[in-house]
Amino acid sequence: MKLMLAELQDFRKETNRKLDRLEAGQNELKDIMRHHSALTAENLTDIRLEVRGRQRDVEADVNLLFKELESVKRQTNKIDHMFRI
């Protein structure tokens, strides 16, 4: 009986050690996931800012092209008007 009780106590101690290691592993995984989430959010923020900047640059380029086209069109209209007279 004492032998069985001693075996049960050893089993309980081993089980408690395994549970402690499991909890430590879970906490480590939680920390890793938090860190990964923070890095992902930071990267997405950087990407979003970069896309906005590029969008503004493209819009500015398009607007500039339209202004240049408008200027060229005015000049060609003037030349056409001069030759019609």
N, C-alpha and C. Protein backbone atom coordinates (compact mmCIF):
# COMPACT_ATOMS: atom_id res chain seq x y z
N MET A 1 0.82 -1.19 0.00
CA MET A 1 0.00 0.00 0.00
C MET A 1 0.87 1.26 0.00
N LYS A 2 1.93 1.22 0.84
CA LYS A 2 2.83 2.38 0.88
C LYS A 2 3.52 2.56 -0.46
N LEU A 3 3.85 1.47 -1.10
CA LEU A 3 4.50 1.53 -2.40
C LEU A 3 3.57 2.17 -3.44
N MET A 4 2.31 1.82 -3.41
CA MET A 4 1.33 2.39 -4.35
C MET A 4 1.14 3.88 -4.07
N LEU A 5 1.12 4.23 -2.78
CA LEU A 5 0.98 5.64 -2.40
C LEU A 5 2.19 6.44 -2.87
N ALA A 6 3.36 5.87 -2.72
CA ALA A 6 4.59 6.54 -3.17
C ALA A 6 4.57 6.70 -4.69
N GLU A 7 4.12 5.67 -5.41
CA GLU A 7 4.02 5.76 -6.86
C GLU A 7 3.02 6.83 -7.29
N LEU A 8 1.91 6.90 -6.58
CA LEU A 8 0.90 7.92 -6.87
C LEU A 8 1.45 9.33 -6.63
N GLN A 9 2.21 9.49 -5.57
CA GLN A 9 2.80 10.79 -5.28
C GLN A 9 3.82 11.17 -6.36
N ASP A 10 4.62 10.21 -6.80
CA ASP A 10 5.59 10.46 -7.88
C ASP A 10 4.86 10.83 -9.17
N PHE A 11 3.79 10.10 -9.44
CA PHE A 11 3.01 10.38 -10.65
C PHE A 11 2.42 11.79 -10.59
N ARG A 12 1.91 12.17 -9.41
CA ARG A 12 1.33 13.50 -9.22
C ARG A 12 2.39 14.58 -9.40
N LYS A 13 3.58 14.37 -8.85
CA LYS A 13 4.67 15.34 -9.00
C LYS A 13 5.07 15.49 -10.46
N GLU A 14 5.18 14.35 -11.14
CA GLU A 14 5.55 14.38 -12.56
C GLU A 14 4.47 15.10 -13.38
N THR A 15 3.22 14.81 -13.06
CA THR A 15 2.11 15.47 -13.76
C THR A 15 2.13 16.97 -13.50
N ASN A 16 2.39 17.37 -12.28
CA ASN A 16 2.46 18.80 -11.96
C ASN A 16 3.61 19.48 -12.70
N ARG A 17 4.75 18.80 -12.80
CA ARG A 17 5.89 19.35 -13.55
C ARG A 17 5.53 19.53 -15.02
N LYS A 18 4.86 18.53 -15.58
CA LYS A 18 4.46 18.61 -16.99
C LYS A 18 3.46 19.76 -17.20
N LEU A 19 2.54 19.90 -16.27
CA LEU A 19 1.57 21.00 -16.37
C LEU A 19 2.26 22.36 -16.27
N ASP A 20 3.24 22.45 -15.39
CA ASP A 20 4.00 23.70 -15.27
C ASP A 20 4.73 24.03 -16.56
N ARG A 21 5.35 23.00 -17.17
CA ARG A 21 6.05 23.22 -18.44
C ARG A 21 5.06 23.59 -19.54
N LEU A 22 3.89 22.96 -19.51
CA LEU A 22 2.86 23.27 -20.50
C LEU A 22 2.40 24.72 -20.37
N GLU A 23 2.17 25.16 -19.14
CA GLU A 23 1.76 26.55 -18.90
C GLU A 23 2.85 27.52 -19.34
N ALA A 24 4.11 27.17 -19.06
CA ALA A 24 5.22 28.03 -19.48
C ALA A 24 5.28 28.10 -21.00
N GLY A 25 5.07 26.97 -21.66
CA GLY A 25 5.06 26.95 -23.12
C GLY A 25 3.91 27.76 -23.69
N GLN A 26 2.75 27.67 -23.06
CA GLN A 26 1.59 28.46 -23.50
C GLN A 26 1.87 29.95 -23.35
N ASN A 27 2.47 30.33 -22.24
CA ASN A 27 2.80 31.74 -22.03
C ASN A 27 3.81 32.22 -23.06
N GLU A 28 4.77 31.36 -23.38
CA GLU A 28 5.77 31.72 -24.39
C GLU A 28 5.09 31.90 -25.75
N LEU A 29 4.17 30.99 -26.08
CA LEU A 29 3.44 31.11 -27.34
C LEU A 29 2.60 32.39 -27.38
N LYS A 30 1.98 32.72 -26.26
CA LYS A 30 1.19 33.95 -26.20
C LYS A 30 2.08 35.17 -26.45
N ASP A 31 3.26 35.18 -25.83
CA ASP A 31 4.19 36.30 -26.03
C ASP A 31 4.64 36.38 -27.49
N ILE A 32 4.93 35.23 -28.08
CA ILE A 32 5.34 35.21 -29.49
C ILE A 32 4.21 35.74 -30.37
N MET A 33 3.00 35.32 -30.11
CA MET A 33 1.85 35.77 -30.91
C MET A 33 1.63 37.28 -30.74
N ARG A 34 1.77 37.78 -29.52
CA ARG A 34 1.63 39.23 -29.30
C ARG A 34 2.69 39.99 -30.09
N HIS A 35 3.92 39.50 -30.02
CA HIS A 35 5.02 40.14 -30.73
C HIS A 35 4.77 40.10 -32.24
N HIS A 36 4.36 38.96 -32.74
CA HIS A 36 4.07 38.82 -34.16
C HIS A 36 2.93 39.75 -34.59
N SER A 37 1.90 39.83 -33.77
CA SER A 37 0.77 40.72 -34.08
C SER A 37 1.21 42.17 -34.12
N ALA A 38 2.05 42.56 -33.18
CA ALA A 38 2.54 43.94 -33.15
C ALA A 38 3.37 44.24 -34.40
N LEU A 39 4.25 43.31 -34.77
CA LEU A 39 5.06 43.51 -35.97
C LEU A 39 4.20 43.56 -37.23
N THR A 40 3.20 42.70 -37.31
CA THR A 40 2.31 42.69 -38.46
C THR A 40 1.55 44.01 -38.57
N ALA A 41 1.03 44.48 -37.44
CA ALA A 41 0.30 45.75 -37.46
C ALA A 41 1.22 46.90 -37.87
N GLU A 42 2.44 46.88 -37.37
CA GLU A 42 3.40 47.93 -37.73
C GLU A 42 3.72 47.87 -39.23
N ASN A 43 3.92 46.66 -39.75
CA ASN A 43 4.21 46.52 -41.18
C ASN A 43 3.04 46.97 -42.03
N LEU A 44 1.83 46.61 -41.63
CA LEU A 44 0.65 47.02 -42.39
C LEU A 44 0.49 48.54 -42.37
N THR A 45 0.80 49.16 -41.24
CA THR A 45 0.73 50.61 -41.16
C THR A 45 1.74 51.24 -42.11
N ASP A 46 2.96 50.70 -42.11
CA ASP A 46 3.98 51.22 -43.03
C ASP A 46 3.57 51.04 -44.48
N ILE A 47 3.02 49.87 -44.80
CA ILE A 47 2.57 49.61 -46.17
C ILE A 47 1.46 50.58 -46.56
N ARG A 48 0.52 50.79 -45.67
CA ARG A 48 -0.60 51.69 -45.95
C ARG A 48 -0.10 53.11 -46.19
N LEU A 49 0.86 53.56 -45.38
CA LEU A 49 1.42 54.90 -45.57
C LEU A 49 2.16 55.00 -46.90
N GLU A 50 2.89 53.96 -47.25
CA GLU A 50 3.63 53.96 -48.51
C GLU A 50 2.67 53.98 -49.70
N VAL A 51 1.60 53.20 -49.62
CA VAL A 51 0.61 53.18 -50.70
C VAL A 51 -0.05 54.55 -50.84
N ARG A 52 -0.37 55.18 -49.73
CA ARG A 52 -0.96 56.53 -49.80
C ARG A 52 -0.01 57.51 -50.46
N GLY A 53 1.25 57.44 -50.09
CA GLY A 53 2.25 58.33 -50.68
C GLY A 53 2.37 58.11 -52.18
N ARG A 54 2.40 56.86 -52.59
CA ARG A 54 2.49 56.56 -54.02
C ARG A 54 1.24 57.00 -54.75
N GLN A 55 0.10 56.84 -54.11
CA GLN A 55 -1.16 57.26 -54.72
C GLN A 55 -1.15 58.77 -54.95
N ARG A 56 -0.68 59.52 -53.96
CA ARG A 56 -0.59 60.98 -54.13
C ARG A 56 0.37 61.33 -55.26
N ASP A 57 1.50 60.63 -55.34
CA ASP A 57 2.46 60.89 -56.42
C ASP A 57 1.84 60.61 -57.78
N VAL A 58 1.13 59.50 -57.89
CA VAL A 58 0.49 59.15 -59.17
C VAL A 58 -0.57 60.19 -59.53
N GLU A 59 -1.37 60.59 -58.56
CA GLU A 59 -2.39 61.60 -58.82
C GLU A 59 -1.75 62.91 -59.27
N ALA A 60 -0.65 63.28 -58.63
CA ALA A 60 0.05 64.51 -59.02
C ALA A 60 0.60 64.38 -60.43
N ASP A 61 1.16 63.23 -60.77
CA ASP A 61 1.67 63.01 -62.13
C ASP A 61 0.55 63.07 -63.15
N VAL A 62 -0.58 62.45 -62.84
CA VAL A 62 -1.72 62.46 -63.76
C VAL A 62 -2.22 63.88 -63.95
N ASN A 63 -2.34 64.62 -62.87
CA ASN A 63 -2.79 66.01 -62.98
C ASN A 63 -1.82 66.84 -63.82
N LEU A 64 -0.54 66.62 -63.61
CA LEU A 64 0.47 67.34 -64.39
C LEU A 64 0.36 66.98 -65.87
N LEU A 65 0.17 65.72 -66.17
CA LEU A 65 0.02 65.31 -67.57
C LEU A 65 -1.22 65.95 -68.21
N PHE A 66 -2.31 66.00 -67.47
CA PHE A 66 -3.51 66.63 -68.02
C PHE A 66 -3.29 68.12 -68.27
N LYS A 67 -2.59 68.78 -67.36
CA LYS A 67 -2.29 70.21 -67.56
C LYS A 67 -1.40 70.40 -68.78
N GLU A 68 -0.40 69.54 -68.93
CA GLU A 68 0.48 69.65 -70.09
C GLU A 68 -0.30 69.37 -71.38
N LEU A 69 -1.16 68.38 -71.36
CA LEU A 69 -1.98 68.06 -72.52
C LEU A 69 -2.91 69.23 -72.86
N GLU A 70 -3.45 69.83 -71.83
CA GLU A 70 -4.32 70.99 -72.03
C GLU A 70 -3.55 72.13 -72.69
N SER A 71 -2.35 72.36 -72.24
CA SER A 71 -1.51 73.42 -72.81
C SER A 71 -1.18 73.12 -74.26
N VAL A 72 -0.83 71.88 -74.55
CA VAL A 72 -0.50 71.49 -75.92
C VAL A 72 -1.74 71.63 -76.81
N LYS A 73 -2.87 71.25 -76.30
CA LYS A 73 -4.10 71.34 -77.07
C LYS A 73 -4.43 72.80 -77.37
N ARG A 74 -4.24 73.69 -76.42
CA ARG A 74 -4.47 75.12 -76.65
C ARG A 74 -3.56 75.62 -77.76
N GLN A 75 -2.29 75.23 -77.69
CA GLN A 75 -1.34 75.68 -78.70
C GLN A 75 -1.73 75.15 -80.08
N THR A 76 -2.12 73.89 -80.17
CA THR A 76 -2.53 73.34 -81.48
C THR A 76 -3.80 74.02 -81.97
N ASN A 77 -4.69 74.35 -81.07
CA ASN A 77 -5.92 75.07 -81.48
C ASN A 77 -5.57 76.45 -82.02
N LYS A 78 -4.62 77.12 -81.38
CA LYS A 78 -4.18 78.43 -81.87
C LYS A 78 -3.58 78.32 -83.27
N ILE A 79 -2.74 77.30 -83.44
CA ILE A 79 -2.10 77.09 -84.76
C ILE A 79 -3.15 76.76 -85.80
N ASP A 80 -4.10 75.90 -85.47
CA ASP A 80 -5.18 75.57 -86.41
C ASP A 80 -5.99 76.81 -86.76
N HIS A 81 -6.27 77.62 -85.77
CA HIS A 81 -7.04 78.85 -85.99
C HIS A 81 -6.26 79.82 -86.91
N MET A 82 -4.96 79.90 -86.71
CA MET A 82 -4.14 80.79 -87.53
C MET A 82 -4.14 80.32 -89.00
N PHE A 83 -4.09 79.04 -89.24
CA PHE A 83 -4.05 78.53 -90.61
C PHE A 83 -5.42 78.59 -91.29
N ARG A 84 -6.47 78.66 -90.53
CA ARG A 84 -7.82 78.73 -91.12
C ARG A 84 -8.12 80.11 -91.64
N ILE A 85 -7.49 81.09 -91.05
CA ILE A 85 -7.79 82.49 -91.43
C ILE A 85 -7.19 82.84 -92.73
